[in-house]
C-alpha atoms as a PDB file:
ATOM      1  CA  MET A   1      69.242 -28.952   8.448  1.00  0.00           C
ATOM      2  CA  ALA A   2      69.308 -25.251   7.489  1.00  0.00           C
ATOM      3  CA  ALA A   3      66.137 -23.266   8.100  1.00  0.00           C
ATOM      4  CA  SER A   4      64.281 -22.038   5.040  1.00  0.00           C
ATOM      5  CA  THR A   5      64.682 -18.384   4.171  1.00  0.00           C
ATOM      6  CA  THR A   6      61.655 -16.085   4.177  1.00  0.00           C
ATOM      7  CA  ILE A   7      61.175 -12.350   3.817  1.00  0.00           C
ATOM      8  CA  GLU A   8      61.145 -12.071   7.619  1.00  0.00           C
ATOM      9  CA  ASP A   9      64.586 -13.701   7.947  1.00  0.00           C
ATOM     10  CA  VAL A  10      66.532 -10.990   6.112  1.00  0.00           C
ATOM     11  CA  ASP A  11      67.251  -7.357   6.847  1.00  0.00           C
ATOM     12  CA  ALA A  12      65.258  -4.512   5.332  1.00  0.00           C
ATOM     13  CA  ALA A  13      67.902  -3.724   2.733  1.00  0.00           C
ATOM     14  CA  SER A  14      67.736  -7.261   1.331  1.00  0.00           C
ATOM     15  CA  THR A  15      63.950  -7.570   1.338  1.00  0.00           C
ATOM     16  CA  PRO A  16      63.337  -5.970  -2.099  1.00  0.00           C
ATOM     17  CA  ASP A  17      65.957  -8.240  -3.696  1.00  0.00           C
ATOM     18  CA  LEU A  18      64.434 -11.375  -2.209  1.00  0.00           C
ATOM     19  CA  TYR A  19      60.934 -10.290  -3.205  1.00  0.00           C
ATOM     20  CA  ARG A  20      62.134  -9.576  -6.755  1.00  0.00           C
ATOM     21  CA  THR A  21      63.753 -13.015  -6.957  1.00  0.00           C
ATOM     22  CA  LEU A  22      60.626 -14.809  -5.754  1.00  0.00           C
ATOM     23  CA  LEU A  23      58.219 -12.900  -8.001  1.00  0.00           C
ATOM     24  CA  LEU A  24      60.407 -13.086 -11.084  1.00  0.00           C
ATOM     25  CA  GLY A  25      60.865 -16.800 -10.514  1.00  0.00           C
ATOM     26  CA  HIS A  26      57.087 -17.150 -10.303  1.00  0.00           C
ATOM     27  CA  TYR A  27      56.652 -15.403 -13.650  1.00  0.00           C
ATOM     28  CA  MET A  28      59.373 -17.517 -15.248  1.00  0.00           C
ATOM     29  CA  ARG A  29      57.737 -20.769 -14.150  1.00  0.00           C
ATOM     30  CA  HIS A  30      54.631 -19.746 -16.053  1.00  0.00           C
ATOM     31  CA  TRP A  31      56.023 -17.773 -18.993  1.00  0.00           C
ATOM     32  CA  GLY A  32      59.665 -18.716 -19.479  1.00  0.00           C
ATOM     33  CA  THR A  33      62.724 -16.462 -19.494  1.00  0.00           C
ATOM     34  CA  PRO A  34      62.106 -12.737 -20.018  1.00  0.00           C
ATOM     35  CA  GLU A  35      63.680 -11.150 -23.071  1.00  0.00           C
ATOM     36  CA  TYR A  36      63.816  -7.542 -21.874  1.00  0.00           C
ATOM     37  CA  ARG A  37      63.755  -5.465 -18.684  1.00  0.00           C
ATOM     38  CA  HIS A  38      62.597  -1.863 -18.354  1.00  0.00           C
ATOM     39  CA  VAL A  39      63.446  -0.007 -15.131  1.00  0.00           C
ATOM     40  CA  LEU A  40      61.437   2.804 -13.560  1.00  0.00           C
ATOM     41  CA  ARG A  41      62.810   4.802 -10.669  1.00  0.00           C
ATOM     42  CA  ARG A  42      60.572   6.861  -8.396  1.00  0.00           C
ATOM     43  CA  ALA A  43      62.078  10.317  -8.022  1.00  0.00           C
ATOM     44  CA  ALA A  44      61.071  10.784  -4.376  1.00  0.00           C
ATOM     45  CA  ASP A  45      62.789   7.776  -2.850  1.00  0.00           C
ATOM     46  CA  GLN A  46      64.649   6.151  -5.758  1.00  0.00           C
ATOM     47  CA  ALA A  47      62.754   2.895  -5.248  1.00  0.00           C
ATOM     48  CA  LEU A  48      62.760   0.636  -8.295  1.00  0.00           C
ATOM     49  CA  ILE A  49      59.842  -0.690 -10.277  1.00  0.00           C
ATOM     50  CA  GLU A  50      60.676  -3.020 -13.147  1.00  0.00           C
ATOM     51  CA  LEU A  51      58.721  -4.197 -16.169  1.00  0.00           C
ATOM     52  CA  TYR A  52      59.704  -7.520 -17.732  1.00  0.00           C
ATOM     53  CA  VAL A  53      58.801  -8.565 -21.260  1.00  0.00           C
ATOM     54  CA  PHE A  54      58.058 -12.263 -21.789  1.00  0.00           C
ATOM     55  CA  ALA A  55      57.790 -13.345 -25.409  1.00  0.00           C
ATOM     56  CA  GLY A  56      55.689 -16.360 -26.280  1.00  0.00           C
ATOM     57  CA  ARG A  57      57.462 -19.704 -26.198  1.00  0.00           C
ATOM     58  CA  GLU A  58      56.002 -20.606 -29.597  1.00  0.00           C
ATOM     59  CA  PRO A  59      55.410 -18.512 -32.749  1.00  0.00           C
ATOM     60  CA  MET A  60      52.230 -16.423 -32.589  1.00  0.00           C
ATOM     61  CA  GLU A  61      51.934 -16.824 -28.813  1.00  0.00           C
ATOM     62  CA  PRO A  62      51.162 -13.585 -26.982  1.00  0.00           C
ATOM     63  CA  VAL A  63      53.667 -11.332 -25.275  1.00  0.00           C
ATOM     64  CA  ARG A  64      53.294 -10.558 -21.560  1.00  0.00           C
ATOM     65  CA  ILE A  65      54.581  -7.460 -19.809  1.00  0.00           C
ATOM     66  CA  ALA A  66      54.606  -7.720 -16.018  1.00  0.00           C
ATOM     67  CA  SER A  67      55.598  -5.445 -13.144  1.00  0.00           C
ATOM     68  CA  VAL A  68      58.044  -6.380 -10.404  1.00  0.00           C
ATOM     69  CA  GLY A  69      58.409  -4.244  -7.289  1.00  0.00           C
ATOM     70  CA  LEU A  70      55.118  -2.376  -7.390  1.00  0.00           C
ATOM     71  CA  ALA A  71      53.465  -4.259  -4.520  1.00  0.00           C
ATOM     72  CA  GLY A  72      55.861  -2.885  -1.924  1.00  0.00           C
ATOM     73  CA  GLN A  73      55.504   0.731  -3.037  1.00  0.00           C
ATOM     74  CA  ILE A  74      53.598   3.027  -0.684  1.00  0.00           C
ATOM     75  CA  LYS A  75      50.326   4.518  -1.868  1.00  0.00           C
ATOM     76  CA  PRO A  76      49.110   7.967  -0.764  1.00  0.00           C
ATOM     77  CA  ASP A  77      47.190   6.327   2.101  1.00  0.00           C
ATOM     78  CA  GLY A  78      50.522   5.254   3.617  1.00  0.00           C
ATOM     79  CA  LYS A  79      50.078   1.533   2.980  1.00  0.00           C
ATOM     80  CA  PRO A  80      51.785  -0.734   0.417  1.00  0.00           C
ATOM     81  CA  GLU A  81      50.168  -1.176  -2.981  1.00  0.00           C
ATOM     82  CA  GLY A  82      50.000  -4.956  -2.489  1.00  0.00           C
ATOM     83  CA  ARG A  83      49.488  -5.651  -6.205  1.00  0.00           C
ATOM     84  CA  GLU A  84      51.478  -6.329  -9.326  1.00  0.00           C
ATOM     85  CA  TYR A  85      50.064  -5.953 -12.833  1.00  0.00           C
ATOM     86  CA  PHE A  86      50.556  -7.566 -16.224  1.00  0.00           C
ATOM     87  CA  MET A  87      49.313  -7.051 -19.778  1.00  0.00           C
ATOM     88  CA  VAL A  88      48.924  -9.670 -22.509  1.00  0.00           C
ATOM     89  CA  LEU A  89      49.493  -8.478 -26.083  1.00  0.00           C
ATOM     90  CA  PRO A  90      49.759  -9.898 -29.606  1.00  0.00           C
ATOM     91  CA  ASP A  91      53.181 -11.128 -30.642  1.00  0.00           C
ATOM     92  CA  ASP A  92      53.604  -8.004 -32.827  1.00  0.00           C
ATOM     93  CA  LEU A  93      52.566  -5.695 -29.941  1.00  0.00           C
ATOM     94  CA  GLY A  94      49.602  -4.518 -31.976  1.00  0.00           C
ATOM     95  CA  GLY A  95      51.868  -2.806 -34.471  1.00  0.00           C
ATOM     96  CA  ALA A  96      53.480  -0.548 -31.870  1.00  0.00           C
ATOM     97  CA  GLY A  97      57.150  -0.343 -30.965  1.00  0.00           C
ATOM     98  CA  ARG A  98      58.408  -1.902 -27.756  1.00  0.00           C
ATOM     99  CA  ASP A  99      59.448   1.435 -26.268  1.00  0.00           C
ATOM    100  CA  ALA A 100      56.013   2.954 -26.889  1.00  0.00           C
ATOM    101  CA  VAL A 101      54.283  -0.016 -25.272  1.00  0.00           C
ATOM    102  CA  LEU A 102      56.593  -0.017 -22.262  1.00  0.00           C
ATOM    103  CA  GLY A 103      56.103   3.724 -21.872  1.00  0.00           C
ATOM    104  CA  TYR A 104      52.350   3.233 -21.824  1.00  0.00           C
ATOM    105  CA  VAL A 105      52.410   0.331 -19.355  1.00  0.00           C
ATOM    106  CA  SER A 106      54.752   2.371 -17.162  1.00  0.00           C
ATOM    107  CA  SER A 107      52.303   5.266 -17.108  1.00  0.00           C
ATOM    108  CA  VAL A 108      49.462   2.911 -16.204  1.00  0.00           C
ATOM    109  CA  VAL A 109      51.190   1.258 -13.250  1.00  0.00           C
ATOM    110  CA  VAL A 110      52.417   4.604 -11.916  1.00  0.00           C
ATOM    111  CA  HIS A 111      48.876   5.965 -12.182  1.00  0.00           C
ATOM    112  CA  LEU A 112      47.453   2.966 -10.354  1.00  0.00           C
ATOM    113  CA  LEU A 113      50.018   3.421  -7.606  1.00  0.00           C
ATOM    114  CA  ALA A 114      49.759   7.182  -7.185  1.00  0.00           C
ATOM    115  CA  HIS A 115      46.169   8.036  -8.060  1.00  0.00           C
ATOM    116  CA  ALA A 116      43.852   5.032  -8.121  1.00  0.00           C
ATOM    117  CA  ARG A 117      41.829   4.626  -4.955  1.00  0.00           C
ATOM    118  CA  ARG A 118      42.469   1.423  -3.044  1.00  0.00           C
ATOM    119  CA  SER A 119      39.778  -1.137  -3.725  1.00  0.00           C
ATOM    120  CA  CYS A 120      39.366  -4.809  -2.932  1.00  0.00           C
ATOM    121  CA  HIS A 121      36.835  -5.184  -5.707  1.00  0.00           C
ATOM    122  CA  LEU A 122      37.469  -6.028  -9.328  1.00  0.00           C
ATOM    123  CA  PRO A 123      37.001  -5.101 -12.054  1.00  0.00           C
ATOM    124  CA  ARG A 124      38.200  -1.516 -12.225  1.00  0.00           C
ATOM    125  CA  LEU A 125      38.025   0.718 -15.285  1.00  0.00           C
ATOM    126  CA  LEU A 126      40.440   3.316 -16.629  1.00  0.00           C
ATOM    127  CA  GLY A 127      39.127   5.607 -19.348  1.00  0.00           C
ATOM    128  CA  PRO A 128      40.641   6.149 -22.804  1.00  0.00           C
ATOM    129  CA  SER A 129      44.134   7.622 -22.614  1.00  0.00           C
ATOM    130  CA  PRO A 130      46.169   9.583 -25.174  1.00  0.00           C
ATOM    131  CA  LEU A 131      49.223   7.784 -23.792  1.00  0.00           C
ATOM    132  CA  ALA A 132      48.164   4.484 -25.371  1.00  0.00           C
ATOM    133  CA  PRO A 133      50.240   3.609 -28.457  1.00  0.00           C
ATOM    134  CA  ALA A 134      48.989   5.437 -31.531  1.00  0.00           C
ATOM    135  CA  GLU A 135      48.797   2.140 -33.436  1.00  0.00           C
ATOM    136  CA  TRP A 136      46.229   0.679 -31.024  1.00  0.00           C
ATOM    137  CA  SER A 137      42.469   0.928 -31.333  1.00  0.00           C
ATOM    138  CA  ALA A 138      42.097  -0.042 -27.666  1.00  0.00           C
ATOM    139  CA  THR A 139      42.971   2.965 -25.484  1.00  0.00           C
ATOM    140  CA  ALA A 140      40.950   2.280 -22.291  1.00  0.00           C
ATOM    141  CA  LEU A 141      41.664  -0.419 -19.710  1.00  0.00           C
ATOM    142  CA  LEU A 142      39.876  -3.019 -17.644  1.00  0.00           C
ATOM    143  CA  VAL A 143      41.729  -4.147 -14.503  1.00  0.00           C
ATOM    144  CA  ALA A 144      40.541  -7.693 -13.846  1.00  0.00           C
ATOM    145  CA  GLU A 145      41.427 -11.042 -12.307  1.00  0.00           C
ATOM    146  CA  ALA A 146      44.032 -13.122 -14.096  1.00  0.00           C
ATOM    147  CA  THR A 147      41.444 -15.533 -15.481  1.00  0.00           C
ATOM    148  CA  GLY A 148      43.458 -16.496 -18.546  1.00  0.00           C
ATOM    149  CA  GLU A 149      46.396 -17.858 -16.533  1.00  0.00           C
ATOM    150  CA  SER A 150      46.951 -21.110 -14.641  1.00  0.00           C
ATOM    151  CA  GLU A 151      44.970 -21.646 -11.452  1.00  0.00           C
ATOM    152  CA  ASP A 152      48.125 -21.409  -9.339  1.00  0.00           C
ATOM    153  CA  PHE A 153      49.245 -18.113 -10.907  1.00  0.00           C
ATOM    154  CA  ASN A 154      47.326 -15.732  -8.665  1.00  0.00           C
ATOM    155  CA  PRO A 155      47.540 -14.864  -5.843  1.00  0.00           C
ATOM    156  CA  LEU A 156      51.186 -15.428  -4.983  1.00  0.00           C
ATOM    157  CA  ALA A 157      51.871 -16.148  -1.291  1.00  0.00           C
ATOM    158  CA  ILE A 158      55.203 -14.800  -0.019  1.00  0.00           C
ATOM    159  CA  ASP A 159      56.256 -15.406   3.576  1.00  0.00           C
ATOM    160  CA  GLY A 160      56.396 -12.136   5.457  1.00  0.00           C
ATOM    161  CA  MET A 161      54.288 -10.260   2.896  1.00  0.00           C
ATOM    162  CA  GLY A 162      51.170 -12.376   2.704  1.00  0.00           C
ATOM    163  CA  GLU A 163      49.344 -12.818  -0.594  1.00  0.00           C
ATOM    164  CA  ILE A 164      50.298 -10.586  -3.509  1.00  0.00           C
ATOM    165  CA  GLU A 165      47.538 -10.042  -6.058  1.00  0.00           C
ATOM    166  CA  ILE A 166      48.625 -10.113  -9.713  1.00  0.00           C
ATOM    167  CA  GLU A 167      45.990  -8.363 -11.809  1.00  0.00           C
ATOM    168  CA  TRP A 168      45.381  -8.336 -15.552  1.00  0.00           C
ATOM    169  CA  LEU A 169      45.381  -5.056 -17.509  1.00  0.00           C
ATOM    170  CA  ILE A 170      43.048  -5.600 -20.475  1.00  0.00           C
ATOM    171  CA  PRO A 171      43.052  -2.954 -23.242  1.00  0.00           C
ATOM    172  CA  LEU A 172      39.495  -1.927 -24.178  1.00  0.00           C
ATOM    173  CA  LEU A 173      38.045  -0.076 -27.112  1.00  0.00           C
ATOM    174  CA  GLU A 174      36.227   3.113 -26.173  1.00  0.00           C
ATOM    175  CA  ALA A 175      32.883   1.549 -27.162  1.00  0.00           C
ATOM    176  CA  GLU A 176      33.574  -1.426 -24.880  1.00  0.00           C
ATOM    177  CA  TYR A 177      34.530   0.893 -22.031  1.00  0.00           C
ATOM    178  CA  ALA A 178      31.263   2.824 -22.451  1.00  0.00           C
ATOM    179  CA  PHE A 179      29.279  -0.434 -22.642  1.00  0.00           C
ATOM    180  CA  ILE A 180      30.723  -1.704 -19.342  1.00  0.00           C
ATOM    181  CA  LEU A 181      30.013   1.634 -17.657  1.00  0.00           C
ATOM    182  CA  ASP A 182      26.407   1.458 -18.854  1.00  0.00           C
ATOM    183  CA  LYS A 183      25.600  -2.272 -18.641  1.00  0.00           C
ATOM    184  CA  GLY A 184      28.159  -3.701 -16.234  1.00  0.00           C
ATOM    185  CA  LEU A 185      30.813  -6.376 -16.639  1.00  0.00           C
ATOM    186  CA  ASP A 186      28.614  -9.483 -16.797  1.00  0.00           C
ATOM    187  CA  PRO A 187      26.925  -8.549 -20.114  1.00  0.00           C
ATOM    188  CA  PHE A 188      30.337  -7.710 -21.564  1.00  0.00           C
ATOM    189  CA  GLU A 189      31.768 -11.075 -20.480  1.00  0.00           C
ATOM    190  CA  GLU A 190      28.830 -12.800 -22.173  1.00  0.00           C
ATOM    191  CA  LEU A 191      29.709 -11.010 -25.413  1.00  0.00           C
ATOM    192  CA  VAL A 192      33.365 -12.002 -25.070  1.00  0.00           C
ATOM    193  CA  GLN A 193      32.380 -15.668 -24.813  1.00  0.00           C
ATOM    194  CA  THR A 194      30.638 -15.531 -28.203  1.00  0.00           C
ATOM    195  CA  TYR A 195      33.141 -13.283 -29.971  1.00  0.00           C
ATOM    196  CA  GLU A 196      35.603 -14.789 -32.442  1.00  0.00           C
ATOM    197  CA  GLN A 197      38.511 -12.489 -31.659  1.00  0.00           C
ATOM    198  CA  SER A 198      40.566 -12.347 -28.490  1.00  0.00           C
ATOM    199  CA  LEU A 199      40.835  -9.677 -25.821  1.00  0.00           C
ATOM    200  CA  VAL A 200      44.566  -9.847 -26.537  1.00  0.00           C
ATOM    201  CA  ASP A 201      43.972  -8.234 -29.945  1.00  0.00           C
ATOM    202  CA  VAL A 202      44.274  -4.492 -29.323  1.00  0.00           C
ATOM    203  CA  ASN A 203      43.046  -3.725 -32.855  1.00  0.00           C
ATOM    204  CA  ARG A 204      39.935  -5.906 -32.804  1.00  0.00           C
ATOM    205  CA  SER A 205      36.547  -4.592 -33.795  1.00  0.00           C
ATOM    206  CA  ALA A 206      34.381  -3.659 -30.815  1.00  0.00           C
ATOM    207  CA  MET A 207      32.738  -6.580 -29.017  1.00  0.00           C
ATOM    208  CA  VAL A 208      29.590  -4.575 -28.303  1.00  0.00           C
ATOM    209  CA  PRO A 209      26.462  -3.884 -30.368  1.00  0.00           C
ATOM    210  CA  SER A 210      26.827  -0.872 -32.651  1.00  0.00           C
END
């Protein structure tokens, strides 16, 4: 009987390809076949980071955009990032074009890799950004656990790399961002539970008291 293949069984040149195959297969089991791929290339070492777009399997289902290859990238502290990220959006991308959305998500993941301090604690907040699509009301971000996905979605265990965290990038309105800074996440989550609209809607009205 042939031995099973793990990350540790292959040479360094093949490791990124095997990791990509395993992670992409994981996404496809949960979200189906991707409809588009966007490639980023880091200028310093030409390492690849990819973003895959997964359309909903049924009409009106949300679109997911997920990174592949970020976890193995080296942060300024000299250690691998260890995380991948995804965003869940309305089926019409909140009125924005695909290229604008992919450009924004690209800027977010590169920022998290290059500038965000390493932390084992969620959530994390990113303030309003002019790089968010102009059609969106939500221009800040909450980096949180993947609570809206299946229980077996996160973390993903890969032999030779350990557990890879897959974290959810949630667009926030500026008022929501300020509310979380002031009150904390628990009061915001309580508001979300009673709110009629979804966090997926990037053009919702603010979920916080006016």
